[in-house]
Amino acid sequence: MSQQHDVRRGRQVGSTPRGRTVRPQVMFAIAIAICLSVCGLSQALLPADAVIPLAVSACLACAAALGLIAWRRRDEDLNDVTCADAAGALVLIGAFAAATAIGPEQLMRLVGS
C-alpha cells in the first residue's frame, strides 16, 4: 500500500503534526457544551430577554476562538474535518439562532432596561 507524502511540508498526508492531540470534532463538542452551559447559567441568573443574546454571543465567541486556532493550523489535512469547518458551523448556529430566536422587541426591552 502506498502512502501519500506532501512534499511542501515534508509530512504524510493525513498524519497529524506533533503536539496536536485535540481534534476539531472534540473542540466543536467543547464549544457547544460551553454555549449550552452559558445558556443554562444565564437562565438561572439573568432576565429572560438576555438569555438567547448571551448564548448567541457565547457561540460566536467560541467560533472566533476556533477561527484563530484554524488560522494557526493552516496545514491541516483538508480531506478531514478542520478547525475552520467547526468555526464555520458555530458561526452558522449563532447566526441562525440570532435571526430566528431574537425578536426586535426583545432587543428593545433589553437595551431599554
C-alpha atoms as a PDB file:
ATOM      1  CA  MET A   1       0.000   0.000   0.000  1.00  0.00           C
ATOM      2  CA  SER A   2       1.476   3.334  -0.997  1.00  0.00           C
ATOM      3  CA  GLN A   3       1.392   6.379   1.239  1.00  0.00           C
ATOM      4  CA  GLN A   4       0.915   9.896   0.003  1.00  0.00           C
ATOM      5  CA  HIS A   5       3.511  12.449   1.005  1.00  0.00           C
ATOM      6  CA  ASP A   6       3.120  16.217   1.000  1.00  0.00           C
ATOM      7  CA  VAL A   7       6.398  17.444  -0.472  1.00  0.00           C
ATOM      8  CA  ARG A   8       5.889  21.102   0.512  1.00  0.00           C
ATOM      9  CA  ARG A   9       5.504  20.391   4.211  1.00  0.00           C
ATOM     10  CA  GLY A  10       7.566  17.217   4.458  1.00  0.00           C
ATOM     11  CA  ARG A  11       4.901  15.061   6.095  1.00  0.00           C
ATOM     12  CA  GLN A  12       2.487  12.341   5.145  1.00  0.00           C
ATOM     13  CA  VAL A  13      -0.981  13.426   4.082  1.00  0.00           C
ATOM     14  CA  GLY A  14      -3.484  12.601   6.786  1.00  0.00           C
ATOM     15  CA  SER A  15      -0.957  12.497   9.608  1.00  0.00           C
ATOM     16  CA  THR A  16      -1.279  14.912  12.494  1.00  0.00           C
ATOM     17  CA  PRO A  17       1.697  17.056  13.464  1.00  0.00           C
ATOM     18  CA  ARG A  18       3.237  16.549  16.882  1.00  0.00           C
ATOM     19  CA  GLY A  19       1.641  18.265  19.843  1.00  0.00           C
ATOM     20  CA  ARG A  20      -1.866  18.366  18.383  1.00  0.00           C
ATOM     21  CA  THR A  21      -3.895  15.878  20.318  1.00  0.00           C
ATOM     22  CA  VAL A  22      -7.269  17.636  20.369  1.00  0.00           C
ATOM     23  CA  ARG A  23      -9.205  17.002  17.179  1.00  0.00           C
ATOM     24  CA  PRO A  24     -11.568  19.606  15.686  1.00  0.00           C
ATOM     25  CA  GLN A  25     -14.596  17.417  16.440  1.00  0.00           C
ATOM     26  CA  VAL A  26     -13.697  17.458  20.131  1.00  0.00           C
ATOM     27  CA  MET A  27     -13.171  21.223  20.045  1.00  0.00           C
ATOM     28  CA  PHE A  28     -16.585  21.634  18.416  1.00  0.00           C
ATOM     29  CA  ALA A  29     -18.215  19.496  21.116  1.00  0.00           C
ATOM     30  CA  ILE A  30     -16.486  21.523  23.838  1.00  0.00           C
ATOM     31  CA  ALA A  31     -17.651  24.779  22.225  1.00  0.00           C
ATOM     32  CA  ILE A  32     -21.247  23.516  22.074  1.00  0.00           C
ATOM     33  CA  ALA A  33     -21.007  22.448  25.732  1.00  0.00           C
ATOM     34  CA  ILE A  34     -19.751  25.926  26.643  1.00  0.00           C
ATOM     35  CA  CYS A  35     -22.652  27.554  24.768  1.00  0.00           C
ATOM     36  CA  LEU A  36     -25.206  25.294  26.434  1.00  0.00           C
ATOM     37  CA  SER A  37     -23.734  25.892  29.887  1.00  0.00           C
ATOM     38  CA  VAL A  38     -23.791  29.665  29.293  1.00  0.00           C
ATOM     39  CA  CYS A  39     -27.439  29.339  28.256  1.00  0.00           C
ATOM     40  CA  GLY A  40     -28.288  27.303  31.363  1.00  0.00           C
ATOM     41  CA  LEU A  41     -26.460  29.613  33.739  1.00  0.00           C
ATOM     42  CA  SER A  42     -27.928  32.738  32.193  1.00  0.00           C
ATOM     43  CA  GLN A  43     -31.438  31.301  32.511  1.00  0.00           C
ATOM     44  CA  ALA A  44     -30.875  30.917  36.229  1.00  0.00           C
ATOM     45  CA  LEU A  45     -29.186  34.264  36.822  1.00  0.00           C
ATOM     46  CA  LEU A  46     -30.367  36.805  34.220  1.00  0.00           C
ATOM     47  CA  PRO A  47     -33.683  38.153  32.903  1.00  0.00           C
ATOM     48  CA  ALA A  48     -35.383  36.075  30.220  1.00  0.00           C
ATOM     49  CA  ASP A  49     -34.680  38.638  27.492  1.00  0.00           C
ATOM     50  CA  ALA A  50     -30.909  38.305  27.997  1.00  0.00           C
ATOM     51  CA  VAL A  51     -30.649  34.504  27.718  1.00  0.00           C
ATOM     52  CA  ILE A  52     -30.656  33.984  23.944  1.00  0.00           C
ATOM     53  CA  PRO A  53     -28.487  37.024  23.083  1.00  0.00           C
ATOM     54  CA  LEU A  54     -25.900  35.875  25.617  1.00  0.00           C
ATOM     55  CA  ALA A  55     -25.963  32.300  24.286  1.00  0.00           C
ATOM     56  CA  VAL A  56     -25.553  33.605  20.718  1.00  0.00           C
ATOM     57  CA  SER A  57     -22.659  35.798  21.850  1.00  0.00           C
ATOM     58  CA  ALA A  58     -21.003  32.793  23.504  1.00  0.00           C
ATOM     59  CA  CYS A  59     -21.452  30.762  20.321  1.00  0.00           C
ATOM     60  CA  LEU A  60     -19.892  33.483  18.192  1.00  0.00           C
ATOM     61  CA  ALA A  61     -17.048  33.961  20.686  1.00  0.00           C
ATOM     62  CA  CYS A  62     -16.308  30.221  20.530  1.00  0.00           C
ATOM     63  CA  ALA A  63     -16.396  30.461  16.725  1.00  0.00           C
ATOM     64  CA  ALA A  64     -13.870  33.296  16.864  1.00  0.00           C
ATOM     65  CA  ALA A  65     -11.601  31.251  19.136  1.00  0.00           C
ATOM     66  CA  LEU A  66     -11.819  28.257  16.801  1.00  0.00           C
ATOM     67  CA  GLY A  67     -11.158  30.576  13.878  1.00  0.00           C
ATOM     68  CA  LEU A  68      -7.926  31.709  15.494  1.00  0.00           C
ATOM     69  CA  ILE A  69      -6.951  28.088  16.115  1.00  0.00           C
ATOM     70  CA  ALA A  70      -7.789  27.289  12.489  1.00  0.00           C
ATOM     71  CA  TRP A  71      -5.589  30.151  11.346  1.00  0.00           C
ATOM     72  CA  ARG A  72      -2.719  28.696  13.380  1.00  0.00           C
ATOM     73  CA  ARG A  73      -3.395  25.218  11.950  1.00  0.00           C
ATOM     74  CA  ARG A  74      -3.392  26.138   8.286  1.00  0.00           C
ATOM     75  CA  ASP A  75      -1.504  22.951   7.435  1.00  0.00           C
ATOM     76  CA  GLU A  76      -4.347  20.603   8.454  1.00  0.00           C
ATOM     77  CA  ASP A  77      -5.426  17.838   6.121  1.00  0.00           C
ATOM     78  CA  LEU A  78      -8.250  19.311   4.042  1.00  0.00           C
ATOM     79  CA  ASN A  79      -9.761  15.872   3.428  1.00  0.00           C
ATOM     80  CA  ASP A  80     -10.751  15.670   7.097  1.00  0.00           C
ATOM     81  CA  VAL A  81     -12.811  17.956   9.338  1.00  0.00           C
ATOM     82  CA  THR A  82     -10.744  21.048  10.181  1.00  0.00           C
ATOM     83  CA  CYS A  83     -10.987  23.725  12.836  1.00  0.00           C
ATOM     84  CA  ALA A  84     -12.185  26.108  10.142  1.00  0.00           C
ATOM     85  CA  ASP A  85     -15.123  23.764   9.482  1.00  0.00           C
ATOM     86  CA  ALA A  86     -16.006  23.729  13.174  1.00  0.00           C
ATOM     87  CA  ALA A  87     -15.725  27.526  13.382  1.00  0.00           C
ATOM     88  CA  GLY A  88     -17.974  27.894  10.339  1.00  0.00           C
ATOM     89  CA  ALA A  89     -20.564  25.588  11.858  1.00  0.00           C
ATOM     90  CA  LEU A  90     -20.559  27.634  15.071  1.00  0.00           C
ATOM     91  CA  VAL A  91     -20.995  30.856  13.084  1.00  0.00           C
ATOM     92  CA  LEU A  92     -23.972  29.324  11.265  1.00  0.00           C
ATOM     93  CA  ILE A  93     -25.528  28.128  14.521  1.00  0.00           C
ATOM     94  CA  GLY A  94     -25.063  31.560  16.103  1.00  0.00           C
ATOM     95  CA  ALA A  95     -26.382  33.408  13.060  1.00  0.00           C
ATOM     96  CA  PHE A  96     -29.467  31.214  12.757  1.00  0.00           C
ATOM     97  CA  ALA A  97     -30.161  31.484  16.485  1.00  0.00           C
ATOM     98  CA  ALA A  98     -29.818  35.248  16.335  1.00  0.00           C
ATOM     99  CA  ALA A  99     -32.056  35.523  13.282  1.00  0.00           C
ATOM    100  CA  THR A 100     -34.826  33.213  14.453  1.00  0.00           C
ATOM    101  CA  ALA A 101     -34.888  33.342  18.247  1.00  0.00           C
ATOM    102  CA  ILE A 102     -34.260  37.028  18.930  1.00  0.00           C
ATOM    103  CA  GLY A 103     -37.044  39.429  18.076  1.00  0.00           C
ATOM    104  CA  PRO A 104     -36.688  43.186  17.636  1.00  0.00           C
ATOM    105  CA  GLU A 105     -38.991  43.899  20.577  1.00  0.00           C
ATOM    106  CA  GLN A 106     -36.845  41.628  22.775  1.00  0.00           C
ATOM    107  CA  LEU A 107     -33.752  43.645  21.904  1.00  0.00           C
ATOM    108  CA  MET A 108     -35.588  46.902  22.538  1.00  0.00           C
ATOM    109  CA  ARG A 109     -36.579  45.678  26.022  1.00  0.00           C
ATOM    110  CA  LEU A 110     -33.018  44.509  26.679  1.00  0.00           C
ATOM    111  CA  VAL A 111     -31.365  47.739  25.533  1.00  0.00           C
ATOM    112  CA  GLY A 112     -34.018  49.922  27.124  1.00  0.00           C
ATOM    113  CA  SER A 113     -33.658  48.375  30.580  1.00  0.00           C
END
